[in-house]
Protein backbone atom coordinates (compact mmCIF):
# COMPACT_ATOMS: atom_id res chain seq x y z
CA MET A 1 126.78 77.26 80.40
CA LEU A 2 129.16 80.19 80.26
CA GLY A 3 131.69 78.55 82.55
CA ALA A 4 132.17 75.75 80.00
CA SER A 5 133.56 78.19 77.44
CA LEU A 6 135.10 80.94 79.61
CA ASP A 7 138.18 80.72 81.83
CA THR A 8 138.11 82.19 85.33
CA ASN A 9 139.18 85.68 84.29
CA ASP A 10 136.69 85.89 81.42
CA TYR A 11 133.92 84.49 83.60
CA MET A 12 134.52 87.06 86.33
CA THR A 13 134.66 89.83 83.75
CA ARG A 14 131.35 88.70 82.27
CA LEU A 15 129.75 88.42 85.72
CA ASN A 16 130.77 91.96 86.58
CA GLU A 17 129.45 93.21 83.24
CA GLU A 18 126.08 91.56 83.91
CA LEU A 19 125.90 93.01 87.42
CA ASP A 20 126.57 96.47 86.01
CA ARG A 21 123.58 96.09 83.68
CA ILE A 22 121.12 95.60 86.55
CA ASP A 23 118.65 98.45 87.04
CA ARG A 24 119.38 99.77 90.53
CA SER A 25 115.84 101.11 90.87
CA ASP A 26 114.56 97.52 90.55
CA MET A 27 116.72 96.57 93.52
CA GLN A 28 115.34 99.48 95.54
CA ARG A 29 111.72 98.57 94.77
CA TRP A 30 112.44 94.98 95.76
CA SER A 31 113.68 96.24 99.12
CA ASP A 32 110.71 98.59 99.37
CA ALA A 33 108.23 95.72 98.90
CA ILE A 34 109.78 93.72 101.75
CA TYR A 35 110.16 96.68 104.09
CA GLU A 36 106.56 97.76 103.48
CA ALA A 37 105.38 94.22 104.33
CA TRP A 38 107.27 94.43 107.63
CA HIS A 39 105.87 97.90 108.32
CA SER A 40 102.27 96.84 107.64
CA GLY A 41 102.54 93.44 109.34
CA ASN A 42 101.96 91.48 106.11
CA PHE A 43 103.62 88.23 105.11
CA VAL A 44 106.30 87.74 102.48
CA TYR A 45 106.10 84.38 100.68
CA ILE A 46 108.95 83.19 98.45
CA ILE A 47 108.77 80.51 95.75
CA GLY A 48 110.97 78.91 93.11
CA ASN A 49 112.10 75.56 91.69
CA GLY A 50 115.45 73.79 91.85
CA GLY A 51 118.26 76.27 92.45
CA SER A 52 115.67 79.03 92.74
CA GLY A 53 113.89 76.92 95.34
CA THR A 54 116.99 76.78 97.50
CA THR A 55 117.43 80.51 96.92
CA ALA A 56 113.89 80.97 98.25
CA SER A 57 114.87 79.03 101.39
CA HIS A 58 118.04 81.07 101.78
CA MET A 59 116.18 84.35 101.41
CA ALA A 60 113.48 83.36 103.90
CA GLU A 61 116.06 82.31 106.50
CA ASP A 62 118.06 85.51 106.12
CA LEU A 63 115.02 87.77 106.16
CA GLY A 64 113.55 86.02 109.18
CA LYS A 65 116.72 86.09 111.28
CA SER A 66 119.06 88.72 109.88
CA THR A 67 116.70 91.67 109.88
CA LEU A 68 117.28 91.70 113.65
CA HIS A 69 120.38 92.44 115.70
CA GLU A 70 121.76 89.23 117.23
CA ALA A 71 121.06 90.64 120.69
CA GLU A 72 117.38 91.03 119.81
CA LEU A 73 116.70 87.42 118.83
CA ASN A 74 115.27 86.66 122.27
CA ASP A 75 113.39 89.96 122.54
CA GLU A 76 109.71 89.02 122.25
CA SER A 77 108.69 92.68 121.98
CA LYS A 78 110.70 93.24 118.79
CA LYS A 79 108.55 93.53 115.67
CA ARG A 80 109.58 90.84 113.20
CA LEU A 81 109.24 90.26 109.48
CA LYS A 82 106.73 87.51 108.69
CA VAL A 83 108.40 85.49 105.93
CA LEU A 84 107.98 81.94 104.62
CA SER A 85 109.56 80.00 101.78
CA LEU A 86 106.80 77.83 100.32
CA THR A 87 109.51 75.47 99.03
CA ASP A 88 110.27 74.15 102.51
CA ASN A 89 107.18 72.12 103.50
CA ALA A 90 108.27 68.77 102.04
CA GLY A 91 105.21 66.81 103.10
CA TRP A 92 102.79 69.35 101.65
CA LEU A 93 104.77 69.63 98.42
CA MET A 94 104.76 65.86 97.94
CA ALA A 95 101.10 65.47 98.83
CA VAL A 96 99.95 68.19 96.44
CA GLY A 97 102.33 67.02 93.70
CA ASN A 98 101.09 63.44 94.06
CA ASP A 99 97.38 64.01 94.65
CA LEU A 100 96.78 67.01 92.37
CA ALA A 101 99.66 68.15 90.16
CA TYR A 102 103.11 69.66 90.54
CA ASP A 103 101.88 72.93 89.10
CA GLN A 104 99.67 73.29 92.20
CA ILE A 105 102.35 73.03 94.91
CA PHE A 106 102.61 76.77 95.62
CA VAL A 107 99.12 78.02 94.85
CA GLN A 108 97.53 75.47 97.19
CA GLN A 109 99.65 76.82 100.05
CA LEU A 110 98.71 80.39 99.17
CA MET A 111 95.04 79.41 99.33
CA ASN A 112 95.64 78.60 103.01
CA TYR A 113 97.97 81.46 103.89
CA GLY A 114 97.76 84.36 101.46
CA GLN A 115 95.87 87.56 102.25
CA SER A 116 95.40 90.94 100.64
CA GLY A 117 98.51 93.06 101.06
CA ASP A 118 100.90 90.12 101.44
CA VAL A 119 103.91 89.92 99.12
CA LEU A 120 104.76 87.01 96.82
CA LEU A 121 108.38 86.95 95.69
CA ALA A 122 108.45 84.62 92.68
CA ILE A 123 111.81 83.37 91.39
CA SER A 124 112.03 81.75 87.94
CA GLY A 125 115.08 81.91 85.72
CA SER A 126 113.05 81.03 82.64
CA GLY A 127 109.95 82.89 83.79
CA ASN A 128 107.84 79.97 82.57
CA SER A 129 107.53 77.58 85.52
CA PRO A 130 103.83 76.61 85.66
CA ASN A 131 103.72 76.27 89.45
CA VAL A 132 105.19 79.76 89.84
CA LEU A 133 102.82 81.24 87.25
CA ASN A 134 99.77 79.66 88.91
CA ALA A 135 100.77 81.14 92.27
CA VAL A 136 101.36 84.60 90.79
CA GLU A 137 98.04 84.54 88.95
CA TRP A 138 96.22 83.65 92.18
CA ALA A 139 98.11 86.26 94.18
CA ASN A 140 97.28 88.97 91.65
CA ARG A 141 93.58 88.09 91.81
CA HIS A 142 93.59 88.21 95.60
CA GLU A 143 95.19 91.63 95.97
CA MET A 144 98.61 90.40 96.98
CA LYS A 145 101.73 92.20 95.72
CA THR A 146 103.80 90.15 93.27
CA PHE A 147 107.49 90.73 92.57
CA GLY A 148 109.33 88.46 90.13
CA LEU A 149 113.00 87.62 89.74
CA THR A 150 113.63 86.41 86.19
CA GLY A 151 116.34 85.65 83.63
CA TYR A 152 116.53 84.81 79.92
CA SER A 153 113.67 86.72 78.20
CA GLY A 154 111.66 86.88 81.42
CA GLY A 155 109.04 84.50 80.02
CA LYS A 156 105.40 84.74 81.02
CA LEU A 157 106.26 85.79 84.56
CA LYS A 158 107.75 89.09 83.43
CA ASP A 159 104.41 90.01 81.83
CA MET A 160 102.28 88.68 84.70
CA GLN A 161 104.11 90.07 87.74
CA GLN A 162 103.22 93.47 89.14
CA ASP A 163 106.88 94.40 89.54
CA GLY A 164 110.23 92.69 89.35
CA LEU A 165 113.92 92.53 88.60
CA HIS A 166 115.13 90.99 85.35
CA VAL A 167 118.56 89.56 84.54
CA ASP A 168 118.70 89.68 80.74
CA LEU A 169 121.03 86.72 80.28
CA ASP A 170 120.70 83.21 78.81
CA ASP A 171 122.70 81.36 81.45
CA MET A 172 120.83 79.82 84.36
CA GLY A 173 123.79 79.52 86.71
CA MET A 174 124.78 83.16 86.39
CA VAL A 175 121.15 84.31 86.60
CA GLU A 176 120.67 82.38 89.84
CA SER A 177 123.95 83.72 91.23
CA ILE A 178 122.98 87.30 90.44
CA HIS A 179 119.55 86.92 92.06
CA LEU A 180 121.15 85.77 95.31
CA CYS A 181 123.99 88.28 95.14
CA LEU A 182 121.59 91.21 94.75
CA PHE A 183 119.35 89.82 97.49
CA HIS A 184 122.09 90.37 100.05
CA TRP A 185 122.02 94.09 99.34
CA VAL A 186 118.22 94.01 99.71
CA LEU A 187 118.58 92.19 103.03
CA ASN A 188 121.06 94.76 104.30
CA ASP A 189 118.88 97.65 103.14
CA VAL A 190 115.80 96.23 104.86
CA PHE A 191 117.86 95.65 108.03
CA ALA A 192 119.08 99.25 107.96
CA ARG A 193 115.53 100.60 107.60
CA ILE A 194 114.03 98.40 110.30
CA ASN A 195 116.84 99.26 112.70
CA SER A 196 117.42 102.88 111.59
CA THR A 197 121.10 102.29 110.93
CA GLY A 198 123.52 103.22 108.15
CA ARG A 199 122.15 105.75 105.68
CA TYR A 200 118.75 105.51 107.40
CA ALA A 201 120.11 106.60 110.78
CA GLY A 202 118.90 109.88 112.26
């Protein structure tokens, strides 16, 4: 835990250094994957455990609501992004975890929902969460698009995913923070494209 050994100034310096190391083209392709799902009418599913699970919920909420102007939220004619966090169905998660195994909690949902062309955004700091890996393996076999967000060495997910963004850092808290920080640029970029604003205007 970097914060246990660094004071506030050193921690902020290190965080900025890690942000500067991120490949900007990875961020753009992440945005591209979500925008293309909106454009084609496909779903985006988001998965993760623990802190990454709550990040999945946060991302799904923002993408579902904040890709629209506030004034458009009651406009039924407005084309919307189809997005679900598979971390949010508590009953289903508990039933699958209890009756089958915890490593099945995401893939079993994909078996009901997932279709060719859909996007699976898989978040795993270690890159080795079995339930995430099972979902990505299934999605790859069923012609879904898989995009991973990883940390540490990237683990098995980095090799299995079709595309992704990697935070090369051995600190879970900072990895999770960077994933969510970068997501907010992705959200804004997708919003701008859907609504033809900002650098996409004209």
